[in-house]
PDB file of N, CA and C in Angstrom:
ATOM      1  N   MET A   1     -11.752   0.122   9.338  1.00  0.00           N
ATOM      2  CA  MET A   1     -10.372  -0.624   8.712  1.00  0.00           C
ATOM      3  C   MET A   1      -9.389  -0.318   9.458  1.00  0.00           C
ATOM      4  N   SER A   2      -8.748  -1.652   9.423  1.00  0.00           N
ATOM      5  CA  SER A   2      -7.468  -1.895  10.832  1.00  0.00           C
ATOM      6  C   SER A   2      -6.071  -1.021  10.012  1.00  0.00           C
ATOM      7  N   THR A   3      -5.153  -0.623  10.632  1.00  0.00           N
ATOM      8  CA  THR A   3      -4.078   0.142  10.852  1.00  0.00           C
ATOM      9  C   THR A   3      -3.446  -0.679   9.213  1.00  0.00           C
ATOM     10  N   ASP A   4      -3.531  -1.819   9.210  1.00  0.00           N
ATOM     11  CA  ASP A   4      -2.563  -2.415   8.314  1.00  0.00           C
ATOM     12  C   ASP A   4      -3.340  -2.425   7.012  1.00  0.00           C
ATOM     13  N   GLN A   5      -4.549  -2.795   6.943  1.00  0.00           N
ATOM     14  CA  GLN A   5      -5.375  -2.278   5.893  1.00  0.00           C
ATOM     15  C   GLN A   5      -5.474  -0.889   5.199  1.00  0.00           C
ATOM     16  N   TYR A   6      -5.250  -0.019   6.271  1.00  0.00           N
ATOM     17  CA  TYR A   6      -5.416   1.224   5.875  1.00  0.00           C
ATOM     18  C   TYR A   6      -3.666   1.930   4.971  1.00  0.00           C
ATOM     19  N   ILE A   7      -2.606   1.252   5.788  1.00  0.00           N
ATOM     20  CA  ILE A   7      -1.177   1.098   5.271  1.00  0.00           C
ATOM     21  C   ILE A   7      -1.014   0.540   4.158  1.00  0.00           C
ATOM     22  N   GLN A   8      -1.985  -0.748   3.864  1.00  0.00           N
ATOM     23  CA  GLN A   8      -1.311  -1.465   2.458  1.00  0.00           C
ATOM     24  C   GLN A   8      -2.682  -0.654   1.123  1.00  0.00           C
ATOM     25  N   ARG A   9      -3.505   0.317   1.784  1.00  0.00           N
ATOM     26  CA  ARG A   9      -4.349   0.778   0.636  1.00  0.00           C
ATOM     27  C   ARG A   9      -4.051   2.208   0.422  1.00  0.00           C
ATOM     28  N   ARG A  10      -2.863   2.920   1.651  1.00  0.00           N
ATOM     29  CA  ARG A  10      -2.344   4.233   0.867  1.00  0.00           C
ATOM     30  C   ARG A  10      -1.255   3.657   0.254  1.00  0.00           C
ATOM     31  N   ASN A  11      -0.280   2.746   0.468  1.00  0.00           N
ATOM     32  CA  ASN A  11       0.948   2.291  -0.303  1.00  0.00           C
ATOM     33  C   ASN A  11       0.011   2.120  -1.783  1.00  0.00           C
ATOM     34  N   GLU A  12      -0.946   1.258  -1.913  1.00  0.00           N
ATOM     35  CA  GLU A  12      -1.488   1.259  -3.119  1.00  0.00           C
ATOM     36  C   GLU A  12      -1.985   2.116  -4.187  1.00  0.00           C
ATOM     37  N   LEU A  13      -2.809   3.181  -3.219  1.00  0.00           N
ATOM     38  CA  LEU A  13      -2.599   4.238  -3.856  1.00  0.00           C
ATOM     39  C   LEU A  13      -1.942   4.837  -4.329  1.00  0.00           C
ATOM     40  N   ASN A  14      -0.686   5.395  -3.744  1.00  0.00           N
ATOM     41  CA  ASN A  14       0.469   5.984  -3.803  1.00  0.00           C
ATOM     42  C   ASN A  14       1.564   5.183  -5.211  1.00  0.00           C
ATOM     43  N   ARG A  15       1.384   4.242  -5.121  1.00  0.00           N
ATOM     44  CA  ARG A  15       1.916   3.394  -6.277  1.00  0.00           C
ATOM     45  C   ARG A  15       1.353   3.291  -7.528  1.00  0.00           C
ATOM     46  N   ARG A  16       0.084   3.273  -7.753  1.00  0.00           N
ATOM     47  CA  ARG A  16      -0.519   3.814  -8.340  1.00  0.00           C
ATOM     48  C   ARG A  16      -0.390   4.970  -9.523  1.00  0.00           C
ATOM     49  N   ALA A  17      -0.519   6.256  -7.810  1.00  0.00           N
ATOM     50  CA  ALA A  17       0.013   7.640  -8.683  1.00  0.00           C
ATOM     51  C   ALA A  17       1.532   7.796  -8.739  1.00  0.00           C
ATOM     52  N   ARG A  18       2.653   6.929  -8.603  1.00  0.00           N
ATOM     53  CA  ARG A  18       3.622   6.883  -9.330  1.00  0.00           C
ATOM     54  C   ARG A  18       3.249   6.389 -10.718  1.00  0.00           C
ATOM     55  N   THR A  19       3.030   5.391 -10.878  1.00  0.00           N
ATOM     56  CA  THR A  19       3.096   4.612 -12.467  1.00  0.00           C
ATOM     57  C   THR A  19       2.442   5.819 -13.173  1.00  0.00           C
ATOM     58  N   PHE A  20       1.238   6.139 -12.654  1.00  0.00           N
ATOM     59  CA  PHE A  20       0.269   7.031 -13.341  1.00  0.00           C
ATOM     60  C   PHE A  20       1.367   7.932 -13.939  1.00  0.00           C
ATOM     61  N   LEU A  21       2.294   8.680 -12.583  1.00  0.00           N
ATOM     62  CA  LEU A  21       2.610  10.088 -13.380  1.00  0.00           C
ATOM     63  C   LEU A  21       4.149   9.439 -14.118  1.00  0.00           C
ATOM     64  N   HIS A  22       4.483   8.786 -13.873  1.00  0.00           N
ATOM     65  CA  HIS A  22       6.071   8.154 -14.507  1.00  0.00           C
ATOM     66  C   HIS A  22       5.145   8.115 -15.628  1.00  0.00           C
ATOM     67  N   ASP A  23       4.633   7.513 -16.275  1.00  0.00           N
ATOM     68  CA  ASP A  23       4.134   6.589 -17.512  1.00  0.00           C
ATOM     69  C   ASP A  23       3.577   8.608 -18.436  1.00  0.00           C
ATOM     70  N   LEU A  24       3.180   9.622 -17.925  1.00  0.00           N
ATOM     71  CA  LEU A  24       2.549  10.425 -17.977  1.00  0.00           C
ATOM     72  C   LEU A  24       4.364  11.275 -18.678  1.00  0.00           C
ATOM     73  N   LEU A  25       4.636  11.502 -18.046  1.00  0.00           N
ATOM     74  CA  LEU A  25       5.918  12.566 -18.024  1.00  0.00           C
ATOM     75  C   LEU A  25       6.844  11.510 -18.671  1.00  0.00           C
ATOM     76  N   THR A  26       6.863  10.613 -19.053  1.00  0.00           N
ATOM     77  CA  THR A  26       7.717   9.457 -19.926  1.00  0.00           C
ATOM     78  C   THR A  26       7.199  10.226 -21.360  1.00  0.00           C
ATOM     79  N   LYS A  27       6.128  10.197 -21.721  1.00  0.00           N
ATOM     80  CA  LYS A  27       6.340  11.092 -22.741  1.00  0.00           C
ATOM     81  C   LYS A  27       6.531  12.619 -23.393  1.00  0.00           C
ATOM     82  N   GLY A  28       7.015  13.320 -22.111  1.00  0.00           N
ATOM     83  CA  GLY A  28       7.453  14.862 -22.552  1.00  0.00           C
ATOM     84  C   GLY A  28       6.780  15.530 -20.968  1.00  0.00           C
ATOM     85  N   PRO A  29       7.029  16.560 -21.160  1.00  0.00           N
ATOM     86  CA  PRO A  29       6.824  17.697 -20.132  1.00  0.00           C
ATOM     87  C   PRO A  29       5.683  17.939 -20.297  1.00  0.00           C
ATOM     88  N   GLN A  30       4.773  18.351 -18.906  1.00  0.00           N
ATOM     89  CA  GLN A  30       3.390  18.152 -19.046  1.00  0.00           C
ATOM     90  C   GLN A  30       3.137  19.699 -17.953  1.00  0.00           C
ATOM     91  N   THR A  31       1.977  20.212 -18.743  1.00  0.00           N
ATOM     92  CA  THR A  31       1.835  21.600 -17.975  1.00  0.00           C
ATOM     93  C   THR A  31       1.149  20.337 -16.805  1.00  0.00           C
ATOM     94  N   TYR A  32       0.871  21.294 -15.236  1.00  0.00           N
ATOM     95  CA  TYR A  32       0.166  20.887 -14.151  1.00  0.00           C
ATOM     96  C   TYR A  32      -1.082  20.959 -14.536  1.00  0.00           C
ATOM     97  N   ALA A  33      -1.476  21.704 -15.189  1.00  0.00           N
ATOM     98  CA  ALA A  33      -3.879  21.715 -15.494  1.00  0.00           C
ATOM     99  C   ALA A  33      -3.571  20.087 -16.275  1.00  0.00           C
ATOM    100  N   THR A  34      -2.643  19.914 -17.231  1.00  0.00           N
ATOM    101  CA  THR A  34      -2.801  19.075 -18.067  1.00  0.00           C
ATOM    102  C   THR A  34      -2.839  17.379 -17.396  1.00  0.00           C
ATOM    103  N   ILE A  35      -1.907  17.509 -16.213  1.00  0.00           N
ATOM    104  CA  ILE A  35      -1.457  16.377 -15.424  1.00  0.00           C
ATOM    105  C   ILE A  35      -2.486  16.199 -14.071  1.00  0.00           C
ATOM    106  N   ARG A  36      -3.286  17.290 -13.900  1.00  0.00           N
ATOM    107  CA  ARG A  36      -4.715  17.525 -13.126  1.00  0.00           C
ATOM    108  C   ARG A  36      -5.686  17.000 -13.893  1.00  0.00           C
ATOM    109  N   GLN A  37      -5.854  17.253 -15.019  1.00  0.00           N
ATOM    110  CA  GLN A  37      -7.312  16.561 -15.604  1.00  0.00           C
ATOM    111  C   GLN A  37      -6.625  15.232 -16.153  1.00  0.00           C
ATOM    112  N   HIS A  38      -5.373  14.374 -16.527  1.00  0.00           N
ATOM    113  CA  HIS A  38      -5.356  13.389 -16.634  1.00  0.00           C
ATOM    114  C   HIS A  38      -5.753  12.431 -15.558  1.00  0.00           C
ATOM    115  N   ALA A  39      -5.284  12.923 -14.276  1.00  0.00           N
ATOM    116  CA  ALA A  39      -5.076  12.444 -13.195  1.00  0.00           C
ATOM    117  C   ALA A  39      -6.697  12.220 -12.731  1.00  0.00           C
ATOM    118  N   HIS A  40      -7.759  13.391 -12.777  1.00  0.00           N
ATOM    119  CA  HIS A  40      -9.241  13.199 -12.744  1.00  0.00           C
ATOM    120  C   HIS A  40      -9.525  12.186 -13.472  1.00  0.00           C
ATOM    121  N   GLU A  41      -9.209  12.253 -14.665  1.00  0.00           N
ATOM    122  CA  GLU A  41      -9.939  10.846 -15.449  1.00  0.00           C
ATOM    123  C   GLU A  41      -9.604   9.321 -15.052  1.00  0.00           C
ATOM    124  N   ALA A  42      -8.289   9.507 -14.834  1.00  0.00           N
ATOM    125  CA  ALA A  42      -7.495   8.394 -14.551  1.00  0.00           C
ATOM    126  C   ALA A  42      -8.106   7.679 -12.928  1.00  0.00           C
ATOM    127  N   GLY A  43      -9.011   8.714 -11.877  1.00  0.00           N
ATOM    128  CA  GLY A  43      -9.420   8.325 -10.596  1.00  0.00           C
ATOM    129  C   GLY A  43      -8.332   8.659  -9.829  1.00  0.00           C
ATOM    130  N   VAL A  44      -6.861   9.331  -9.978  1.00  0.00           N
ATOM    131  CA  VAL A  44      -5.926   9.490  -9.130  1.00  0.00           C
ATOM    132  C   VAL A  44      -6.517  10.991  -8.337  1.00  0.00           C
ATOM    133  N   SER A  45      -6.305  10.695  -7.130  1.00  0.00           N
ATOM    134  CA  SER A  45      -6.416  11.925  -6.235  1.00  0.00           C
ATOM    135  C   SER A  45      -5.203  12.764  -6.264  1.00  0.00           C
ATOM    136  N   LEU A  46      -5.170  13.909  -6.489  1.00  0.00           N
ATOM    137  CA  LEU A  46      -4.622  15.293  -6.389  1.00  0.00           C
ATOM    138  C   LEU A  46      -3.275  15.212  -4.988  1.00  0.00           C
ATOM    139  N   SER A  47      -3.996  14.502  -4.139  1.00  0.00           N
ATOM    140  CA  SER A  47      -3.102  14.337  -3.111  1.00  0.00           C
ATOM    141  C   SER A  47      -1.803  13.444  -3.194  1.00  0.00           C
ATOM    142  N   CYS A  48      -2.351  12.289  -3.743  1.00  0.00           N
ATOM    143  CA  CYS A  48      -1.715  11.389  -4.326  1.00  0.00           C
ATOM    144  C   CYS A  48      -0.646  11.397  -5.481  1.00  0.00           C
ATOM    145  N   VAL A  49      -1.118  12.302  -6.394  1.00  0.00           N
ATOM    146  CA  VAL A  49      -0.299  12.784  -7.567  1.00  0.00           C
ATOM    147  C   VAL A  49       1.042  13.659  -6.976  1.00  0.00           C
ATOM    148  N   LEU A  50       0.424  14.635  -5.720  1.00  0.00           N
ATOM    149  CA  LEU A  50       1.860  15.651  -5.110  1.00  0.00           C
ATOM    150  C   LEU A  50       2.500  14.629  -4.469  1.00  0.00           C
ATOM    151  N   THR A  51       2.153  13.537  -3.653  1.00  0.00           N
ATOM    152  CA  THR A  51       3.536  12.412  -3.537  1.00  0.00           C
ATOM    153  C   THR A  51       3.796  12.096  -4.180  1.00  0.00           C
ATOM    154  N   ALA A  52       3.748  11.528  -5.162  1.00  0.00           N
ATOM    155  CA  ALA A  52       4.241  10.451  -6.475  1.00  0.00           C
ATOM    156  C   ALA A  52       5.248  11.897  -7.052  1.00  0.00           C
ATOM    157  N   LYS A  53       4.880  13.203  -6.907  1.00  0.00           N
ATOM    158  CA  LYS A  53       6.119  14.262  -7.464  1.00  0.00           C
ATOM    159  C   LYS A  53       7.173  14.199  -6.430  1.00  0.00           C
ATOM    160  N   ARG A  54       6.995  14.196  -5.736  1.00  0.00           N
ATOM    161  CA  ARG A  54       8.352  14.234  -4.723  1.00  0.00           C
ATOM    162  C   ARG A  54       9.016  12.906  -4.801  1.00  0.00           C
ATOM    163  N   SER A  55       8.378  12.013  -4.650  1.00  0.00           N
ATOM    164  CA  SER A  55       9.135  10.665  -5.164  1.00  0.00           C
ATOM    165  C   SER A  55       9.201  10.344  -6.246  1.00  0.00           C
ATOM    166  N   LEU A  56       9.308  10.632  -7.276  1.00  0.00           N
ATOM    167  CA  LEU A  56       9.784  10.672  -8.294  1.00  0.00           C
ATOM    168  C   LEU A  56      10.993  12.009  -9.093  1.00  0.00           C
ATOM    169  N   HIS A  57      10.777  12.743  -7.607  1.00  0.00           N
ATOM    170  CA  HIS A  57      11.940  14.116  -7.985  1.00  0.00           C
ATOM    171  C   HIS A  57      11.534  14.945  -9.184  1.00  0.00           C
ATOM    172  N   VAL A  58       9.940  14.843  -9.620  1.00  0.00           N
ATOM    173  CA  VAL A  58       9.765  15.657 -10.471  1.00  0.00           C
ATOM    174  C   VAL A  58       9.849  17.048  -9.989  1.00  0.00           C
ATOM    175  N   GLU A  59      10.998  17.575 -11.289  1.00  0.00           N
ATOM    176  CA  GLU A  59      10.550  19.039 -11.593  1.00  0.00           C
ATOM    177  C   GLU A  59       9.502  19.611 -11.723  1.00  0.00           C
ATOM    178  N   SER A  60       9.530  21.198 -11.599  1.00  0.00           N
ATOM    179  CA  SER A  60       8.217  22.327 -11.903  1.00  0.00           C
ATOM    180  C   SER A  60       9.134  23.371 -12.037  1.00  0.00           C
ATOM    181  N   ARG A  61       8.876  23.752 -13.099  1.00  0.00           N
ATOM    182  CA  ARG A  61       9.089  24.557 -13.816  1.00  0.00           C
ATOM    183  C   ARG A  61       7.610  25.940 -14.314  1.00  0.00           C
ATOM    184  N   THR A  62       8.393  27.028 -14.532  1.00  0.00           N
ATOM    185  CA  THR A  62       7.070  28.033 -15.148  1.00  0.00           C
ATOM    186  C   THR A  62       7.632  28.866 -16.939  1.00  0.00           C
ATOM    187  N   ARG A  63       6.812  27.733 -17.248  1.00  0.00           N
ATOM    188  CA  ARG A  63       6.997  28.484 -18.277  1.00  0.00           C
ATOM    189  C   ARG A  63       5.917  28.842 -19.399  1.00  0.00           C
ATOM    190  N   ASP A  64       6.210  29.761 -19.657  1.00  0.00           N
ATOM    191  CA  ASP A  64       5.178  30.947 -20.527  1.00  0.00           C
ATOM    192  C   ASP A  64       3.901  31.204 -19.581  1.00  0.00           C
ATOM    193  N   GLY A  65       4.209  31.468 -18.141  1.00  0.00           N
ATOM    194  CA  GLY A  65       3.387  31.170 -16.912  1.00  0.00           C
ATOM    195  C   GLY A  65       2.411  30.259 -16.825  1.00  0.00           C
ATOM    196  N   TYR A  66       2.745  28.945 -17.073  1.00  0.00           N
ATOM    197  CA  TYR A  66       2.506  27.720 -16.634  1.00  0.00           C
ATOM    198  C   TYR A  66       3.241  27.068 -16.240  1.00  0.00           C
ATOM    199  N   ALA A  67       3.199  26.321 -14.924  1.00  0.00           N
ATOM    200  CA  ALA A  67       3.938  25.273 -14.362  1.00  0.00           C
ATOM    201  C   ALA A  67       3.696  24.426 -15.233  1.00  0.00           C
ATOM    202  N   VAL A  68       4.957  23.724 -15.408  1.00  0.00           N
ATOM    203  CA  VAL A  68       5.543  22.565 -16.214  1.00  0.00           C
ATOM    204  C   VAL A  68       6.008  21.268 -15.425  1.00  0.00           C
ATOM    205  N   TRP A  69       5.682  20.255 -15.496  1.00  0.00           N
ATOM    206  CA  TRP A  69       6.635  19.100 -14.823  1.00  0.00           C
ATOM    207  C   TRP A  69       7.352  18.133 -16.058  1.00  0.00           C
ATOM    208  N   ASN A  70       8.387  17.914 -15.395  1.00  0.00           N
ATOM    209  CA  ASN A  70       9.218  16.725 -15.873  1.00  0.00           C
ATOM    210  C   ASN A  70      10.020  16.075 -15.467  1.00  0.00           C
ATOM    211  N   LEU A  71      10.110  14.882 -15.978  1.00  0.00           N
ATOM    212  CA  LEU A  71      11.223  14.073 -15.081  1.00  0.00           C
ATOM    213  C   LEU A  71      12.563  14.508 -15.276  1.00  0.00           C
ATOM    214  N   PRO A  72      12.985  14.242 -13.954  1.00  0.00           N
ATOM    215  CA  PRO A  72      14.632  14.472 -13.836  1.00  0.00           C
ATOM    216  C   PRO A  72      15.535  13.792 -14.553  1.00  0.00           C
ATOM    217  N   ASP A  73      16.315  14.747 -15.309  1.00  0.00           N
ATOM    218  CA  ASP A  73      17.467  14.092 -16.670  1.00  0.00           C
ATOM    219  C   ASP A  73      18.351  13.081 -16.153  1.00  0.00           C
ATOM    220  N   ALA A  74      18.065  11.704 -16.612  1.00  0.00           N
ATOM    221  CA  ALA A  74      18.711  10.471 -16.052  1.00  0.00           C
ATOM    222  C   ALA A  74      20.185  10.878 -16.446  1.00  0.00           C
ATOM    223  N   ALA A  75      20.966  10.431 -15.040  1.00  0.00           N
ATOM    224  CA  ALA A  75      22.267  10.317 -15.263  1.00  0.00           C
ATOM    225  C   ALA A  75      23.200   9.754 -15.933  1.00  0.00           C
TER     226      ALA A  75
END
């Protein structure tokens, strides 16, 4: 695989993960465990989900002992 092909593939995987995470979190806050499960079912790698989290500025809080992710409030 050439460098260009690698970059295109990586960008596509990251775009897919951003779309996945955004679509999931528009339904409301989700626990980290739920996100991992849905990502696994959708074939999205955990590393891509974590990259998407940073790209989307997803907030993470602990609630009742669970990490809960949500999209930042719109300004």
